[in-house]
């Protein structure tokens, strides 16, 4: 009877073919529109930017430079405080050693004086 399995009459067969053709045209037009959009969007954006209807994208490098600068400043401050604390603790240790050495000398002198006074 016809080319389609489901068509029972020539009219039904013609409607099926017409529906398939329209669906095919619709799919082709969607594909063409998508390709046109992908090709035209960058060019349209450039034109809109030049005309002044759209702002140009902000550069990202100042944020990077700012972040690096802040990191260096914080690292430098941390290193300075670590250095200062370390030198203070070393200075305190040296001072304590010096005071202990002096007290040992004083203790020896007192001990020698006591021994001399007892032995007289």
N, C-alpha and C. Protein backbone atom coordinates (compact mmCIF):
# COMPACT_ATOMS: atom_id res chain seq x y z
N UNK A 1 0.80 -1.18 0.00
CA UNK A 1 0.00 0.00 0.00
C UNK A 1 0.86 1.26 0.00
N UNK A 2 1.80 1.40 0.94
CA UNK A 2 2.63 2.60 0.94
C UNK A 2 3.99 2.30 1.53
N UNK A 3 4.70 3.39 1.83
CA UNK A 3 6.05 3.26 2.34
C UNK A 3 6.10 3.10 3.86
N UNK A 4 5.09 3.54 4.56
CA UNK A 4 5.08 3.50 6.01
C UNK A 4 4.35 2.28 6.51
N UNK A 5 4.84 1.70 7.59
CA UNK A 5 4.19 0.52 8.15
C UNK A 5 2.89 0.87 8.86
N UNK A 6 2.88 2.04 9.50
CA UNK A 6 1.74 2.40 10.33
C UNK A 6 0.63 3.09 9.56
N UNK A 7 0.90 3.53 8.40
CA UNK A 7 -0.12 4.24 7.63
C UNK A 7 -1.14 3.24 7.10
N UNK A 8 -2.36 3.53 7.33
CA UNK A 8 -3.42 2.64 6.86
C UNK A 8 -4.05 3.16 5.59
N UNK A 9 -3.90 4.46 5.37
CA UNK A 9 -4.47 5.05 4.15
C UNK A 9 -3.43 5.95 3.53
N UNK A 10 -3.59 6.28 2.27
CA UNK A 10 -2.65 7.21 1.64
C UNK A 10 -2.64 8.58 2.31
N UNK A 11 -3.74 9.01 2.86
CA UNK A 11 -3.80 10.30 3.55
C UNK A 11 -2.97 10.25 4.83
N UNK A 12 -3.14 9.19 5.57
CA UNK A 12 -2.38 9.02 6.81
C UNK A 12 -0.89 8.96 6.50
N UNK A 13 -0.52 8.30 5.43
CA UNK A 13 0.88 8.20 5.01
C UNK A 13 1.42 9.57 4.63
N UNK A 14 0.67 10.36 3.95
CA UNK A 14 1.10 11.71 3.56
C UNK A 14 1.29 12.59 4.79
N UNK A 15 0.38 12.48 5.75
CA UNK A 15 0.49 13.27 6.98
C UNK A 15 1.73 12.86 7.76
N UNK A 16 2.02 11.57 7.82
CA UNK A 16 3.23 11.10 8.51
C UNK A 16 4.49 11.66 7.87
N UNK A 17 4.57 11.63 6.55
CA UNK A 17 5.73 12.16 5.83
C UNK A 17 5.86 13.66 6.05
N UNK A 18 4.74 14.36 6.03
CA UNK A 18 4.76 15.81 6.25
C UNK A 18 5.25 16.13 7.67
N UNK A 19 4.79 15.38 8.66
CA UNK A 19 5.21 15.58 10.05
C UNK A 19 6.70 15.32 10.21
N UNK A 20 7.19 14.26 9.58
CA UNK A 20 8.63 13.97 9.64
C UNK A 20 9.43 15.08 8.98
N UNK A 21 8.95 15.61 7.87
CA UNK A 21 9.65 16.70 7.18
C UNK A 21 9.70 17.97 8.02
N UNK A 22 8.58 18.30 8.68
CA UNK A 22 8.54 19.49 9.52
C UNK A 22 9.46 19.33 10.72
N UNK A 23 9.48 18.15 11.31
CA UNK A 23 10.37 17.89 12.43
C UNK A 23 11.83 18.02 12.00
N UNK A 24 12.14 17.50 10.83
CA UNK A 24 13.50 17.59 10.32
C UNK A 24 13.89 19.05 10.08
N UNK A 25 13.00 19.84 9.51
CA UNK A 25 13.28 21.27 9.28
C UNK A 25 13.45 22.02 10.60
N UNK A 26 12.62 21.67 11.59
CA UNK A 26 12.73 22.31 12.90
C UNK A 26 14.08 22.00 13.54
N UNK A 27 14.52 20.75 13.50
CA UNK A 27 15.82 20.38 14.06
C UNK A 27 16.96 21.08 13.33
N UNK A 28 16.85 21.18 12.02
CA UNK A 28 17.88 21.85 11.24
C UNK A 28 17.93 23.34 11.58
N UNK A 29 16.78 23.95 11.78
CA UNK A 29 16.77 25.38 12.11
C UNK A 29 17.34 25.62 13.50
N UNK A 30 17.07 24.73 14.47
CA UNK A 30 17.68 24.86 15.79
C UNK A 30 19.20 24.74 15.71
N UNK A 31 19.69 23.79 14.93
CA UNK A 31 21.14 23.62 14.78
C UNK A 31 21.77 24.85 14.13
N UNK A 32 21.11 25.40 13.12
CA UNK A 32 21.64 26.58 12.45
C UNK A 32 21.63 27.79 13.39
N UNK A 33 20.57 27.93 14.18
CA UNK A 33 20.50 29.05 15.11
C UNK A 33 21.59 28.94 16.17
N UNK A 34 21.83 27.74 16.67
CA UNK A 34 22.87 27.54 17.67
C UNK A 34 24.25 27.88 17.10
N UNK A 35 24.54 27.42 15.88
CA UNK A 35 25.82 27.73 15.25
C UNK A 35 25.98 29.22 14.99
N UNK A 36 24.90 29.87 14.59
CA UNK A 36 24.95 31.31 14.34
C UNK A 36 25.20 32.07 15.64
N UNK A 37 24.54 31.65 16.70
CA UNK A 37 24.73 32.30 17.99
C UNK A 37 26.17 32.15 18.47
N UNK A 38 26.72 30.94 18.37
CA UNK A 38 28.10 30.71 18.81
C UNK A 38 29.09 31.53 18.00
N UNK A 39 28.80 31.73 16.71
CA UNK A 39 29.71 32.50 15.86
C UNK A 39 29.55 34.00 16.06
N UNK A 40 28.34 34.47 16.37
CA UNK A 40 28.08 35.90 16.39
C UNK A 40 28.27 36.54 17.76
N UNK A 41 28.13 35.80 18.84
CA UNK A 41 28.18 36.39 20.18
C UNK A 41 29.48 37.14 20.44
N UNK A 42 30.65 36.58 20.16
CA UNK A 42 31.88 37.35 20.44
C UNK A 42 31.95 38.65 19.64
N UNK A 43 31.52 38.61 18.38
CA UNK A 43 31.59 39.81 17.54
C UNK A 43 30.58 40.85 18.01
N UNK A 44 29.41 40.42 18.40
CA UNK A 44 28.39 41.35 18.91
C UNK A 44 28.86 41.98 20.21
N UNK A 45 29.48 41.21 21.07
CA UNK A 45 29.98 41.76 22.33
C UNK A 45 31.05 42.83 22.10
N UNK A 46 31.92 42.60 21.12
CA UNK A 46 32.95 43.59 20.81
C UNK A 46 32.30 44.88 20.31
N UNK A 47 31.31 44.75 19.43
CA UNK A 47 30.64 45.94 18.90
C UNK A 47 29.89 46.68 20.01
N UNK A 48 29.20 45.95 20.87
CA UNK A 48 28.48 46.60 21.97
C UNK A 48 29.43 47.32 22.92
N UNK A 49 30.60 46.76 23.13
CA UNK A 49 31.60 47.39 23.98
C UNK A 49 32.12 48.67 23.34
N UNK A 50 32.39 48.64 22.03
CA UNK A 50 32.90 49.81 21.33
C UNK A 50 31.87 50.92 21.28
N UNK A 51 30.61 50.57 21.12
CA UNK A 51 29.54 51.56 21.04
C UNK A 51 29.26 52.16 22.42
N UNK A 52 29.53 51.41 23.48
CA UNK A 52 29.33 51.90 24.83
C UNK A 52 28.09 51.35 25.49
N UNK A 53 27.46 50.39 24.88
CA UNK A 53 26.27 49.79 25.46
C UNK A 53 26.60 48.67 26.45
N UNK A 54 27.86 48.32 26.48
CA UNK A 54 28.28 47.25 27.39
C UNK A 54 29.65 47.61 27.95
N UNK A 55 29.85 47.35 29.25
CA UNK A 55 31.14 47.62 29.86
C UNK A 55 32.14 46.55 29.47
N UNK A 56 33.40 46.95 29.28
CA UNK A 56 34.41 45.92 29.02
C UNK A 56 34.67 45.12 30.29
N UNK A 57 35.06 43.88 30.16
CA UNK A 57 35.34 43.08 31.37
C UNK A 57 36.51 43.67 32.14
N UNK A 58 36.38 43.64 33.45
CA UNK A 58 37.42 44.19 34.32
C UNK A 58 38.65 43.29 34.29
N UNK A 59 39.84 43.89 34.28
CA UNK A 59 41.06 43.05 34.29
C UNK A 59 41.21 42.35 35.64
N UNK A 60 41.71 41.15 35.59
CA UNK A 60 41.83 40.34 36.80
C UNK A 60 43.21 40.47 37.46
N UNK A 61 44.20 41.01 36.76
CA UNK A 61 45.56 41.02 37.30
C UNK A 61 45.72 41.92 38.53
N UNK A 62 44.96 43.03 38.70
CA UNK A 62 45.16 43.80 39.94
C UNK A 62 44.83 43.00 41.20
N UNK A 63 43.86 42.11 41.12
CA UNK A 63 43.51 41.28 42.26
C UNK A 63 44.66 40.34 42.60
N UNK A 64 45.29 39.81 41.58
CA UNK A 64 46.41 38.89 41.80
C UNK A 64 47.58 39.63 42.45
N UNK A 65 47.89 40.81 41.94
CA UNK A 65 48.99 41.60 42.51
C UNK A 65 48.67 41.98 43.95
N UNK A 66 47.44 42.37 44.21
CA UNK A 66 47.04 42.73 45.57
C UNK A 66 47.15 41.55 46.53
N UNK A 67 46.73 40.38 46.08
CA UNK A 67 46.81 39.19 46.93
C UNK A 67 48.27 38.82 47.22
N UNK A 68 49.12 38.91 46.22
CA UNK A 68 50.54 38.61 46.43
C UNK A 68 51.15 39.63 47.39
N UNK A 69 50.82 40.91 47.21
CA UNK A 69 51.34 41.94 48.11
C UNK A 69 50.89 41.74 49.55
N UNK A 70 49.62 41.41 49.73
CA UNK A 70 49.11 41.16 51.09
C UNK A 70 49.80 39.95 51.71
N UNK A 71 50.01 38.92 50.92
CA UNK A 71 50.71 37.73 51.43
C UNK A 71 52.14 38.05 51.84
N UNK A 72 52.81 38.85 51.03
CA UNK A 72 54.19 39.24 51.38
C UNK A 72 54.22 40.09 52.65
N UNK A 73 53.26 41.00 52.79
CA UNK A 73 53.23 41.84 53.98
C UNK A 73 52.97 41.01 55.24
N UNK A 74 52.01 40.11 55.17
CA UNK A 74 51.72 39.26 56.33
C UNK A 74 52.89 38.33 56.64
N UNK A 75 53.52 37.79 55.62
CA UNK A 75 54.68 36.92 55.84
C UNK A 75 55.84 37.69 56.45
N UNK A 76 56.07 38.91 55.98
CA UNK A 76 57.14 39.73 56.54
C UNK A 76 56.89 40.08 58.00
N UNK A 77 55.63 40.43 58.31
CA UNK A 77 55.30 40.75 59.70
C UNK A 77 55.47 39.52 60.60
N UNK A 78 55.03 38.37 60.13
CA UNK A 78 55.18 37.15 60.93
C UNK A 78 56.66 36.82 61.15
N UNK A 79 57.47 36.97 60.10
CA UNK A 79 58.91 36.69 60.23
C UNK A 79 59.57 37.67 61.21
N UNK A 80 59.16 38.94 61.15
CA UNK A 80 59.73 39.93 62.08
C UNK A 80 59.39 39.60 63.52
N UNK A 81 58.12 39.26 63.79
CA UNK A 81 57.72 38.93 65.16
C UNK A 81 58.42 37.66 65.64
N UNK A 82 58.59 36.69 64.75
CA UNK A 82 59.30 35.46 65.13
C UNK A 82 60.76 35.79 65.47
N UNK A 83 61.39 36.62 64.63
CA UNK A 83 62.79 37.02 64.86
C UNK A 83 62.93 37.77 66.18
N UNK A 84 61.99 38.69 66.41
CA UNK A 84 62.05 39.49 67.64
C UNK A 84 61.87 38.62 68.88
N UNK A 85 60.92 37.72 68.83
CA UNK A 85 60.68 36.83 69.97
C UNK A 85 61.90 35.93 70.20
N UNK A 86 62.48 35.45 69.11
CA UNK A 86 63.64 34.56 69.22
C UNK A 86 64.83 35.30 69.82
N UNK A 87 65.10 36.51 69.37
CA UNK A 87 66.24 37.25 69.90
C UNK A 87 66.01 37.64 71.35
N UNK A 88 64.76 37.96 71.72
CA UNK A 88 64.48 38.27 73.12
C UNK A 88 64.72 37.05 74.01
N UNK A 89 64.28 35.88 73.56
CA UNK A 89 64.49 34.68 74.37
C UNK A 89 65.97 34.33 74.47
N UNK A 90 66.72 34.53 73.39
CA UNK A 90 68.16 34.27 73.43
C UNK A 90 68.82 35.27 74.37
N UNK A 91 68.40 36.54 74.29
CA UNK A 91 68.97 37.57 75.18
C UNK A 91 68.67 37.27 76.63
N UNK A 92 67.45 36.83 76.90
CA UNK A 92 67.10 36.48 78.29
C UNK A 92 67.93 35.29 78.77
N UNK A 93 68.16 34.32 77.90
CA UNK A 93 68.95 33.16 78.29
C UNK A 93 70.39 33.57 78.57
N UNK A 94 70.96 34.43 77.73
CA UNK A 94 72.32 34.90 77.96
C UNK A 94 72.42 35.71 79.25
N UNK A 95 71.42 36.55 79.49
CA UNK A 95 71.42 37.34 80.71
C UNK A 95 71.32 36.45 81.95
N UNK A 96 70.47 35.44 81.85
CA UNK A 96 70.33 34.50 82.98
C UNK A 96 71.65 33.77 83.22
N UNK A 97 72.30 33.33 82.15
CA UNK A 97 73.60 32.66 82.30
C UNK A 97 74.63 33.58 82.93
N UNK A 98 74.61 34.83 82.49
CA UNK A 98 75.57 35.79 83.03
C UNK A 98 75.31 36.05 84.52
N UNK A 99 74.04 36.18 84.86
CA UNK A 99 73.71 36.40 86.27
C UNK A 99 74.08 35.19 87.11
N UNK A 100 73.86 33.99 86.58
CA UNK A 100 74.25 32.79 87.31
C UNK A 100 75.75 32.72 87.48
N UNK A 101 76.50 33.08 86.44
CA UNK A 101 77.95 33.08 86.54
C UNK A 101 78.42 34.07 87.60
N UNK A 102 77.80 35.25 87.62
CA UNK A 102 78.16 36.26 88.62
C UNK A 102 77.82 35.77 90.02
N UNK A 103 76.66 35.12 90.16
CA UNK A 103 76.27 34.65 91.50
C UNK A 103 77.20 33.54 91.96
N UNK A 104 77.69 32.71 91.04
CA UNK A 104 78.65 31.67 91.41
C UNK A 104 79.96 32.29 91.89
N UNK A 105 80.37 33.36 91.23
CA UNK A 105 81.59 34.04 91.66
C UNK A 105 81.39 34.64 93.05
N UNK A 106 80.24 35.26 93.25
CA UNK A 106 79.95 35.84 94.57
C UNK A 106 79.87 34.75 95.63
N UNK A 107 79.25 33.60 95.29
CA UNK A 107 79.17 32.50 96.24
C UNK A 107 80.57 31.98 96.59
N UNK A 108 81.46 31.88 95.62
CA UNK A 108 82.82 31.42 95.88
C UNK A 108 83.55 32.41 96.80
N UNK A 109 83.34 33.68 96.49
CA UNK A 109 84.02 34.70 97.32
C UNK A 109 83.52 34.63 98.75
N UNK A 110 82.21 34.48 98.91
CA UNK A 110 81.65 34.39 100.27
C UNK A 110 82.14 33.12 100.95
N UNK A 111 82.18 32.01 100.21
CA UNK A 111 82.66 30.76 100.78
C UNK A 111 84.12 30.89 101.19
N UNK A 112 84.94 31.51 100.37
CA UNK A 112 86.34 31.70 100.70
C UNK A 112 86.48 32.59 101.92
N UNK A 113 85.67 33.63 102.04
CA UNK A 113 85.73 34.51 103.20
C UNK A 113 85.35 33.75 104.47
N UNK A 114 84.32 32.90 104.36
CA UNK A 114 83.89 32.11 105.52
C UNK A 114 85.00 31.14 105.94
N UNK A 115 85.61 30.50 104.99
CA UNK A 115 86.68 29.56 105.28
C UNK A 115 87.85 30.30 105.93
N UNK A 116 88.21 31.44 105.41
CA UNK A 116 89.30 32.24 105.98
C UNK A 116 88.97 32.70 107.39
N UNK A 117 87.70 33.12 107.62
CA UNK A 117 87.32 33.62 108.95
C UNK A 117 87.29 32.47 109.96
N UNK A 118 86.93 31.30 109.56
CA UNK A 118 86.88 30.15 110.46
C UNK A 118 88.30 29.67 110.74
N UNK A 119 89.12 29.68 109.76
CA UNK A 119 90.48 29.19 109.94
C UNK A 119 91.33 30.15 110.75
N UNK A 120 91.03 31.35 110.98
CA UNK A 120 91.82 32.29 111.80
C UNK A 120 91.66 32.05 113.19
